Amino acid sequence: MQYSEGLDIGYRWYDATNTAPLFPFGFGLSYTSFSYSNLQVGALSGNRATVTATVTNTGSRAGTDVAQLYVGDPAAAGEPPHQLKGFQRITLNPGASGTVTFTVTAHDLASWDTTSSNWIAQAGSYQVLVGNSSRNLPLTGTITLNSAVTANAMD
């Protein structure tokens, strides 16, 4: 069986072809609305970075949202535009805000290198995006990796 789509499957294909899906990955129906703010992206230390964001229930009813964290590799990596690396469910009353926290590891930034048969996170700037679906990512930040890291060094 020949699989010609490579890594561009599901939401990754929509992103790679800039096609608007009817229901984006992570899309959910709710009786309320949410906003995202205050993205904080920590520096990579010990091959880990902490990412936090504030979620606010802007509607008139209590509700639950699922915050999603995506990572965008440097363009030269040849990876899909954004890849889901974490999600966190949060329930809020009307007008209430809460903080979601994600841990991004060097392994989350890595891609498979066929030459060395190893996971390698290349040096460069990685985009960090947070929102509630693959097409609603209002918060963006950056994690910078100053030198390449191989899988052995990621543990």
N, C-alpha and C. Protein backbone atom coordinates (compact mmCIF):
# COMPACT_ATOMS: atom_id res chain seq x y z
N MET A 1 0.83 -1.17 0.00
CA MET A 1 0.00 0.00 0.00
C MET A 1 0.88 1.24 0.00
N GLN A 2 0.61 2.13 -0.90
CA GLN A 2 1.36 3.38 -1.00
C GLN A 2 0.61 4.49 -0.27
N TYR A 3 1.26 5.11 0.70
CA TYR A 3 0.68 6.25 1.42
C TYR A 3 1.44 7.50 0.99
N SER A 4 0.85 8.26 0.10
CA SER A 4 1.55 9.41 -0.48
C SER A 4 1.38 10.69 0.33
N GLU A 5 0.49 10.69 1.33
CA GLU A 5 0.24 11.93 2.08
C GLU A 5 1.33 12.24 3.09
N GLY A 6 2.20 11.28 3.40
CA GLY A 6 3.27 11.52 4.36
C GLY A 6 2.71 11.87 5.72
N LEU A 7 3.21 12.95 6.31
CA LEU A 7 2.77 13.36 7.64
C LEU A 7 1.49 14.20 7.62
N ASP A 8 1.08 14.61 6.42
CA ASP A 8 -0.07 15.51 6.30
C ASP A 8 -1.39 14.73 6.31
N ILE A 9 -1.78 14.32 7.51
CA ILE A 9 -3.01 13.57 7.70
C ILE A 9 -3.91 14.37 8.63
N GLY A 10 -5.21 14.37 8.35
CA GLY A 10 -6.17 15.06 9.22
C GLY A 10 -5.96 16.56 9.22
N TYR A 11 -5.93 17.17 10.42
CA TYR A 11 -5.78 18.62 10.52
C TYR A 11 -4.48 19.10 9.89
N ARG A 12 -3.46 18.24 9.87
CA ARG A 12 -2.18 18.63 9.28
C ARG A 12 -2.33 18.87 7.77
N TRP A 13 -3.17 18.06 7.11
CA TRP A 13 -3.41 18.24 5.68
C TRP A 13 -4.13 19.56 5.43
N TYR A 14 -5.16 19.86 6.24
CA TYR A 14 -5.87 21.13 6.09
C TYR A 14 -4.93 22.31 6.26
N ASP A 15 -4.04 22.22 7.25
CA ASP A 15 -3.08 23.30 7.48
C ASP A 15 -2.09 23.40 6.32
N ALA A 16 -1.56 22.27 5.86
CA ALA A 16 -0.56 22.26 4.80
C ALA A 16 -1.11 22.77 3.48
N THR A 17 -2.40 22.50 3.21
CA THR A 17 -3.01 22.94 1.95
C THR A 17 -3.81 24.22 2.11
N ASN A 18 -3.81 24.78 3.31
CA ASN A 18 -4.56 26.00 3.62
C ASN A 18 -6.03 25.88 3.21
N THR A 19 -6.62 24.74 3.57
CA THR A 19 -8.02 24.46 3.29
C THR A 19 -8.83 24.62 4.57
N ALA A 20 -9.95 25.34 4.49
CA ALA A 20 -10.79 25.57 5.67
C ALA A 20 -11.74 24.38 5.86
N PRO A 21 -11.58 23.63 6.93
CA PRO A 21 -12.49 22.50 7.19
C PRO A 21 -13.81 23.01 7.77
N LEU A 22 -14.86 22.22 7.60
CA LEU A 22 -16.15 22.59 8.17
C LEU A 22 -16.07 22.57 9.69
N PHE A 23 -15.45 21.53 10.25
CA PHE A 23 -15.26 21.41 11.69
C PHE A 23 -13.79 21.13 11.96
N PRO A 24 -13.02 22.14 12.38
CA PRO A 24 -11.59 21.93 12.63
C PRO A 24 -11.34 20.94 13.76
N PHE A 25 -10.17 20.33 13.74
CA PHE A 25 -9.77 19.41 14.80
C PHE A 25 -9.87 20.13 16.13
N GLY A 26 -10.55 19.52 17.10
CA GLY A 26 -10.72 20.12 18.41
C GLY A 26 -11.95 20.99 18.53
N PHE A 27 -12.65 21.20 17.43
CA PHE A 27 -13.85 22.03 17.46
C PHE A 27 -14.89 21.39 18.36
N GLY A 28 -15.49 22.18 19.20
CA GLY A 28 -16.54 21.68 20.08
C GLY A 28 -17.66 22.69 20.18
N LEU A 29 -18.87 22.19 20.36
CA LEU A 29 -20.02 23.07 20.55
C LEU A 29 -20.17 23.38 22.03
N SER A 30 -20.55 24.60 22.34
CA SER A 30 -20.68 25.00 23.73
C SER A 30 -21.82 26.00 23.85
N TYR A 31 -22.38 26.11 25.05
CA TYR A 31 -23.41 27.10 25.31
C TYR A 31 -22.81 28.40 25.83
N THR A 32 -21.50 28.50 25.78
CA THR A 32 -20.82 29.71 26.23
C THR A 32 -19.63 29.96 25.31
N SER A 33 -18.88 30.99 25.58
CA SER A 33 -17.71 31.33 24.75
C SER A 33 -16.50 31.57 25.64
N PHE A 34 -15.33 31.46 25.04
CA PHE A 34 -14.08 31.58 25.79
C PHE A 34 -13.11 32.48 25.05
N SER A 35 -12.26 33.15 25.80
CA SER A 35 -11.17 33.91 25.19
C SER A 35 -9.85 33.44 25.82
N TYR A 36 -8.78 33.66 25.08
CA TYR A 36 -7.44 33.25 25.50
C TYR A 36 -6.55 34.47 25.57
N SER A 37 -5.70 34.53 26.60
CA SER A 37 -4.80 35.67 26.76
C SER A 37 -3.59 35.26 27.59
N ASN A 38 -2.67 36.21 27.73
CA ASN A 38 -1.55 36.11 28.65
C ASN A 38 -0.68 34.86 28.45
N LEU A 39 -0.26 34.63 27.22
CA LEU A 39 0.63 33.51 26.94
C LEU A 39 2.01 33.79 27.52
N GLN A 40 2.53 32.83 28.27
CA GLN A 40 3.88 32.90 28.83
C GLN A 40 4.63 31.64 28.38
N VAL A 41 5.73 31.83 27.68
CA VAL A 41 6.54 30.71 27.21
C VAL A 41 7.89 30.79 27.90
N GLY A 42 8.16 29.82 28.75
CA GLY A 42 9.44 29.80 29.47
C GLY A 42 10.56 29.33 28.57
N ALA A 43 11.78 29.66 28.95
CA ALA A 43 12.95 29.21 28.20
C ALA A 43 13.13 27.71 28.40
N LEU A 44 13.73 27.06 27.42
CA LEU A 44 14.02 25.64 27.52
C LEU A 44 15.16 25.45 28.51
N SER A 45 14.87 24.75 29.60
CA SER A 45 15.86 24.50 30.63
C SER A 45 15.75 23.03 31.03
N GLY A 46 16.87 22.32 30.96
CA GLY A 46 16.82 20.89 31.24
C GLY A 46 15.95 20.16 30.24
N ASN A 47 15.95 20.64 28.99
CA ASN A 47 15.15 20.09 27.89
C ASN A 47 13.64 20.17 28.14
N ARG A 48 13.22 21.12 28.97
CA ARG A 48 11.79 21.35 29.24
C ARG A 48 11.52 22.85 29.30
N ALA A 49 10.33 23.22 28.82
CA ALA A 49 9.86 24.60 28.95
C ALA A 49 8.42 24.56 29.42
N THR A 50 8.03 25.52 30.24
CA THR A 50 6.66 25.61 30.72
C THR A 50 5.94 26.69 29.94
N VAL A 51 4.74 26.35 29.48
CA VAL A 51 3.90 27.29 28.74
C VAL A 51 2.60 27.44 29.51
N THR A 52 2.20 28.69 29.79
CA THR A 52 0.94 28.94 30.47
C THR A 52 0.12 29.93 29.66
N ALA A 53 -1.19 29.85 29.83
CA ALA A 53 -2.11 30.79 29.18
C ALA A 53 -3.33 30.95 30.07
N THR A 54 -3.99 32.08 29.94
CA THR A 54 -5.21 32.34 30.69
C THR A 54 -6.40 32.11 29.78
N VAL A 55 -7.38 31.35 30.29
CA VAL A 55 -8.64 31.11 29.58
C VAL A 55 -9.73 31.80 30.38
N THR A 56 -10.59 32.55 29.70
CA THR A 56 -11.68 33.27 30.35
C THR A 56 -13.00 32.87 29.73
N ASN A 57 -13.98 32.56 30.58
CA ASN A 57 -15.34 32.28 30.11
C ASN A 57 -16.01 33.64 29.88
N THR A 58 -16.22 33.99 28.62
CA THR A 58 -16.79 35.30 28.27
C THR A 58 -18.30 35.23 28.06
N GLY A 59 -18.89 34.08 28.29
CA GLY A 59 -20.33 33.91 28.10
C GLY A 59 -21.11 34.06 29.39
N SER A 60 -22.40 33.73 29.32
CA SER A 60 -23.28 33.90 30.48
C SER A 60 -23.61 32.58 31.17
N ARG A 61 -22.98 31.48 30.76
CA ARG A 61 -23.20 30.18 31.38
C ARG A 61 -21.87 29.53 31.73
N ALA A 62 -21.92 28.66 32.71
CA ALA A 62 -20.73 27.86 33.04
C ALA A 62 -20.44 26.94 31.86
N GLY A 63 -19.17 26.64 31.65
CA GLY A 63 -18.83 25.77 30.53
C GLY A 63 -17.42 25.23 30.64
N THR A 64 -17.13 24.29 29.76
CA THR A 64 -15.83 23.63 29.72
C THR A 64 -15.23 23.82 28.34
N ASP A 65 -13.94 24.13 28.32
CA ASP A 65 -13.22 24.25 27.06
C ASP A 65 -11.97 23.38 27.15
N VAL A 66 -11.43 23.02 26.02
CA VAL A 66 -10.20 22.24 25.98
C VAL A 66 -9.14 23.09 25.29
N ALA A 67 -8.20 23.58 26.08
CA ALA A 67 -7.09 24.35 25.54
C ALA A 67 -6.11 23.39 24.87
N GLN A 68 -5.62 23.78 23.72
CA GLN A 68 -4.71 22.94 22.95
C GLN A 68 -3.42 23.68 22.67
N LEU A 69 -2.31 22.97 22.76
CA LEU A 69 -1.00 23.53 22.47
C LEU A 69 -0.45 22.85 21.21
N TYR A 70 -0.05 23.67 20.25
CA TYR A 70 0.54 23.19 19.01
C TYR A 70 1.95 23.75 18.90
N VAL A 71 2.82 23.01 18.22
CA VAL A 71 4.18 23.46 17.96
C VAL A 71 4.38 23.50 16.46
N GLY A 72 4.98 24.59 15.99
CA GLY A 72 5.35 24.73 14.58
C GLY A 72 6.86 24.68 14.46
N ASP A 73 7.37 23.73 13.69
CA ASP A 73 8.81 23.57 13.51
C ASP A 73 9.36 24.66 12.60
N PRO A 74 10.68 24.91 12.66
CA PRO A 74 11.28 25.83 11.68
C PRO A 74 10.97 25.34 10.27
N ALA A 75 10.78 26.26 9.35
CA ALA A 75 10.37 25.91 7.98
C ALA A 75 11.30 24.88 7.33
N ALA A 76 12.59 24.96 7.61
CA ALA A 76 13.56 24.05 7.00
C ALA A 76 13.38 22.60 7.44
N ALA A 77 12.64 22.36 8.52
CA ALA A 77 12.48 21.00 9.05
C ALA A 77 11.63 20.12 8.14
N GLY A 78 10.78 20.72 7.31
CA GLY A 78 9.94 19.94 6.42
C GLY A 78 8.80 19.22 7.13
N GLU A 79 8.44 19.66 8.32
CA GLU A 79 7.37 19.05 9.10
C GLU A 79 6.04 19.77 8.79
N PRO A 80 4.91 19.18 9.20
CA PRO A 80 3.62 19.87 9.03
C PRO A 80 3.65 21.24 9.72
N PRO A 81 2.80 22.18 9.28
CA PRO A 81 2.83 23.54 9.84
C PRO A 81 2.67 23.59 11.36
N HIS A 82 1.75 22.80 11.91
CA HIS A 82 1.52 22.77 13.36
C HIS A 82 1.24 21.34 13.77
N GLN A 83 1.75 20.96 14.93
CA GLN A 83 1.48 19.63 15.45
C GLN A 83 1.01 19.72 16.90
N LEU A 84 -0.09 19.04 17.20
CA LEU A 84 -0.64 19.03 18.55
C LEU A 84 0.35 18.36 19.50
N LYS A 85 0.67 19.04 20.59
CA LYS A 85 1.62 18.49 21.57
C LYS A 85 1.04 18.41 22.97
N GLY A 86 -0.14 19.00 23.19
CA GLY A 86 -0.74 18.92 24.52
C GLY A 86 -2.12 19.53 24.52
N PHE A 87 -2.92 19.12 25.50
CA PHE A 87 -4.24 19.71 25.68
C PHE A 87 -4.62 19.63 27.15
N GLN A 88 -5.48 20.54 27.57
CA GLN A 88 -5.92 20.57 28.96
C GLN A 88 -7.35 21.07 29.02
N ARG A 89 -8.18 20.34 29.72
CA ARG A 89 -9.58 20.68 29.90
C ARG A 89 -9.72 21.64 31.09
N ILE A 90 -10.58 22.66 30.92
CA ILE A 90 -10.80 23.62 32.00
C ILE A 90 -12.27 23.99 32.05
N THR A 91 -12.85 23.96 33.25
CA THR A 91 -14.26 24.31 33.47
C THR A 91 -14.30 25.63 34.23
N LEU A 92 -15.09 26.57 33.71
CA LEU A 92 -15.15 27.91 34.29
C LEU A 92 -16.58 28.42 34.40
N ASN A 93 -16.86 29.14 35.46
CA ASN A 93 -18.14 29.84 35.61
C ASN A 93 -18.12 31.09 34.75
N PRO A 94 -19.29 31.70 34.49
CA PRO A 94 -19.33 32.91 33.68
C PRO A 94 -18.42 34.00 34.25
N GLY A 95 -17.62 34.61 33.40
CA GLY A 95 -16.72 35.68 33.81
C GLY A 95 -15.46 35.23 34.51
N ALA A 96 -15.35 33.96 34.83
CA ALA A 96 -14.17 33.45 35.55
C ALA A 96 -13.02 33.17 34.58
N SER A 97 -11.81 33.26 35.11
CA SER A 97 -10.61 32.95 34.35
C SER A 97 -9.82 31.87 35.06
N GLY A 98 -9.07 31.11 34.31
CA GLY A 98 -8.21 30.08 34.87
C GLY A 98 -6.95 29.97 34.03
N THR A 99 -5.94 29.35 34.60
CA THR A 99 -4.67 29.18 33.90
C THR A 99 -4.50 27.73 33.48
N VAL A 100 -4.10 27.54 32.23
CA VAL A 100 -3.74 26.21 31.75
C VAL A 100 -2.21 26.17 31.64
N THR A 101 -1.64 25.02 31.96
CA THR A 101 -0.18 24.87 31.97
C THR A 101 0.20 23.66 31.14
N PHE A 102 1.19 23.85 30.31
CA PHE A 102 1.71 22.77 29.46
C PHE A 102 3.22 22.67 29.67
N THR A 103 3.74 21.48 29.52
CA THR A 103 5.18 21.28 29.51
C THR A 103 5.58 20.87 28.10
N VAL A 104 6.51 21.61 27.52
CA VAL A 104 7.04 21.28 26.20
C VAL A 104 8.45 20.75 26.41
N THR A 105 8.71 19.55 25.89
CA THR A 105 10.03 18.95 26.03
C THR A 105 10.79 19.05 24.71
N ALA A 106 12.08 18.84 24.78
CA ALA A 106 12.88 18.82 23.56
C ALA A 106 12.37 17.73 22.61
N HIS A 107 11.87 16.64 23.17
CA HIS A 107 11.33 15.57 22.32
C HIS A 107 10.09 16.05 21.56
N ASP A 108 9.30 16.95 22.16
CA ASP A 108 8.15 17.52 21.45
C ASP A 108 8.59 18.34 20.24
N LEU A 109 9.80 18.85 20.26
CA LEU A 109 10.33 19.65 19.16
C LEU A 109 11.06 18.80 18.12
N ALA A 110 11.29 17.55 18.43
CA ALA A 110 12.11 16.68 17.58
C ALA A 110 11.32 16.07 16.43
N SER A 111 12.05 15.73 15.39
CA SER A 111 11.50 14.96 14.27
C SER A 111 12.48 13.82 13.97
N TRP A 112 11.96 12.81 13.30
CA TRP A 112 12.76 11.63 13.02
C TRP A 112 13.76 11.92 11.91
N ASP A 113 15.02 11.62 12.17
CA ASP A 113 16.07 11.80 11.19
C ASP A 113 16.42 10.43 10.62
N THR A 114 16.10 10.23 9.34
CA THR A 114 16.32 8.91 8.73
C THR A 114 17.81 8.59 8.57
N THR A 115 18.65 9.60 8.46
CA THR A 115 20.08 9.37 8.29
C THR A 115 20.70 8.76 9.55
N SER A 116 20.36 9.33 10.71
CA SER A 116 20.94 8.83 11.96
C SER A 116 20.03 7.85 12.68
N SER A 117 18.82 7.64 12.16
CA SER A 117 17.82 6.79 12.81
C SER A 117 17.62 7.19 14.27
N ASN A 118 17.37 8.49 14.45
CA ASN A 118 17.22 9.03 15.78
C ASN A 118 16.28 10.24 15.74
N TRP A 119 15.68 10.56 16.89
CA TRP A 119 14.89 11.77 17.02
C TRP A 119 15.84 12.93 17.27
N ILE A 120 15.71 13.99 16.46
CA ILE A 120 16.59 15.14 16.60
C ILE A 120 15.75 16.42 16.60
N ALA A 121 15.99 17.26 17.59
CA ALA A 121 15.40 18.60 17.61
C ALA A 121 16.46 19.54 17.07
N GLN A 122 16.19 20.09 15.88
CA GLN A 122 17.16 20.97 15.24
C GLN A 122 17.22 22.32 15.93
N ALA A 123 18.36 22.97 15.86
CA ALA A 123 18.48 24.32 16.39
C ALA A 123 17.58 25.25 15.59
N GLY A 124 16.98 26.20 16.28
CA GLY A 124 16.13 27.17 15.60
C GLY A 124 14.99 27.62 16.48
N SER A 125 14.09 28.40 15.89
CA SER A 125 12.94 28.93 16.61
C SER A 125 11.70 28.09 16.29
N TYR A 126 11.03 27.65 17.33
CA TYR A 126 9.83 26.84 17.19
C TYR A 126 8.65 27.69 17.65
N GLN A 127 7.62 27.74 16.83
CA GLN A 127 6.43 28.50 17.17
C GLN A 127 5.57 27.71 18.15
N VAL A 128 5.06 28.38 19.17
CA VAL A 128 4.15 27.78 20.15
C VAL A 128 2.82 28.47 19.97
N LEU A 129 1.75 27.69 19.79
CA LEU A 129 0.42 28.24 19.55
C LEU A 129 -0.56 27.62 20.53
N VAL A 130 -1.45 28.43 21.10
CA VAL A 130 -2.44 27.94 22.06
C VAL A 130 -3.80 28.49 21.67
N GLY A 131 -4.81 27.61 21.70
CA GLY A 131 -6.19 27.98 21.41
C GLY A 131 -7.09 26.80 21.69
N ASN A 132 -8.29 26.80 21.09
CA ASN A 132 -9.22 25.71 21.38
C ASN A 132 -9.58 24.86 20.17
N SER A 133 -8.90 25.04 19.05
CA SER A 133 -9.03 24.11 17.91
C SER A 133 -7.83 24.34 17.00
N SER A 134 -7.65 23.45 16.04
CA SER A 134 -6.50 23.57 15.14
C SER A 134 -6.56 24.84 14.30
N ARG A 135 -7.73 25.46 14.20
CA ARG A 135 -7.91 26.67 13.41
C ARG A 135 -8.19 27.91 14.25
N ASN A 136 -8.25 27.78 15.56
CA ASN A 136 -8.44 28.92 16.44
C ASN A 136 -7.31 28.94 17.45
N LEU A 137 -6.19 29.52 17.04
CA LEU A 137 -4.98 29.55 17.86
C LEU A 137 -4.55 31.02 18.04
N PRO A 138 -5.27 31.75 18.92
CA PRO A 138 -5.01 33.19 19.03
C PRO A 138 -3.70 33.57 19.71
N LEU A 139 -3.12 32.66 20.46
CA LEU A 139 -1.90 32.98 21.19
C LEU A 139 -0.68 32.34 20.52
N THR A 140 0.34 33.14 20.28
CA THR A 140 1.56 32.60 19.68
C THR A 140 2.78 33.10 20.43
N GLY A 141 3.76 32.25 20.52
CA GLY A 141 5.03 32.58 21.15
C GLY A 141 6.13 31.76 20.49
N THR A 142 7.31 31.80 21.08
CA THR A 142 8.45 31.13 20.48
C THR A 142 9.31 30.44 21.54
N ILE A 143 9.79 29.26 21.19
CA ILE A 143 10.83 28.58 21.96
C ILE A 143 12.03 28.48 21.04
N THR A 144 13.18 28.90 21.53
CA THR A 144 14.39 28.85 20.72
C THR A 144 15.33 27.78 21.25
N LEU A 145 15.78 26.96 20.34
CA LEU A 145 16.74 25.91 20.65
C LEU A 145 18.07 26.33 20.03
N ASN A 146 19.07 26.59 20.86
CA ASN A 146 20.33 27.14 20.37
C ASN A 146 21.20 26.11 19.66
N SER A 147 21.05 24.84 20.00
CA SER A 147 21.81 23.80 19.32
C SER A 147 20.93 22.55 19.22
N ALA A 148 21.26 21.71 18.26
CA ALA A 148 20.47 20.49 18.03
C ALA A 148 20.60 19.57 19.25
N VAL A 149 19.52 18.84 19.51
CA VAL A 149 19.50 17.88 20.62
C VAL A 149 19.04 16.54 20.07
N THR A 150 19.78 15.46 20.37
CA THR A 150 19.38 14.14 19.91
C THR A 150 18.57 13.44 21.01
N ALA A 151 17.93 12.35 20.64
CA ALA A 151 17.05 11.62 21.56
C ALA A 151 17.79 11.19 22.82
N ASN A 152 19.04 10.78 22.70
CA ASN A 152 19.80 10.33 23.87
C ASN A 152 19.94 11.44 24.91
N ALA A 153 20.08 12.68 24.44
CA ALA A 153 20.26 13.81 25.34
C ALA A 153 18.93 14.34 25.87
N MET A 154 17.81 13.85 25.34
CA MET A 154 16.51 14.36 25.72
C MET A 154 15.98 13.71 26.99
N ASP A 155 16.51 12.56 27.34
CA ASP A 155 15.98 11.82 28.49
C ASP A 155 16.40 12.40 29.81
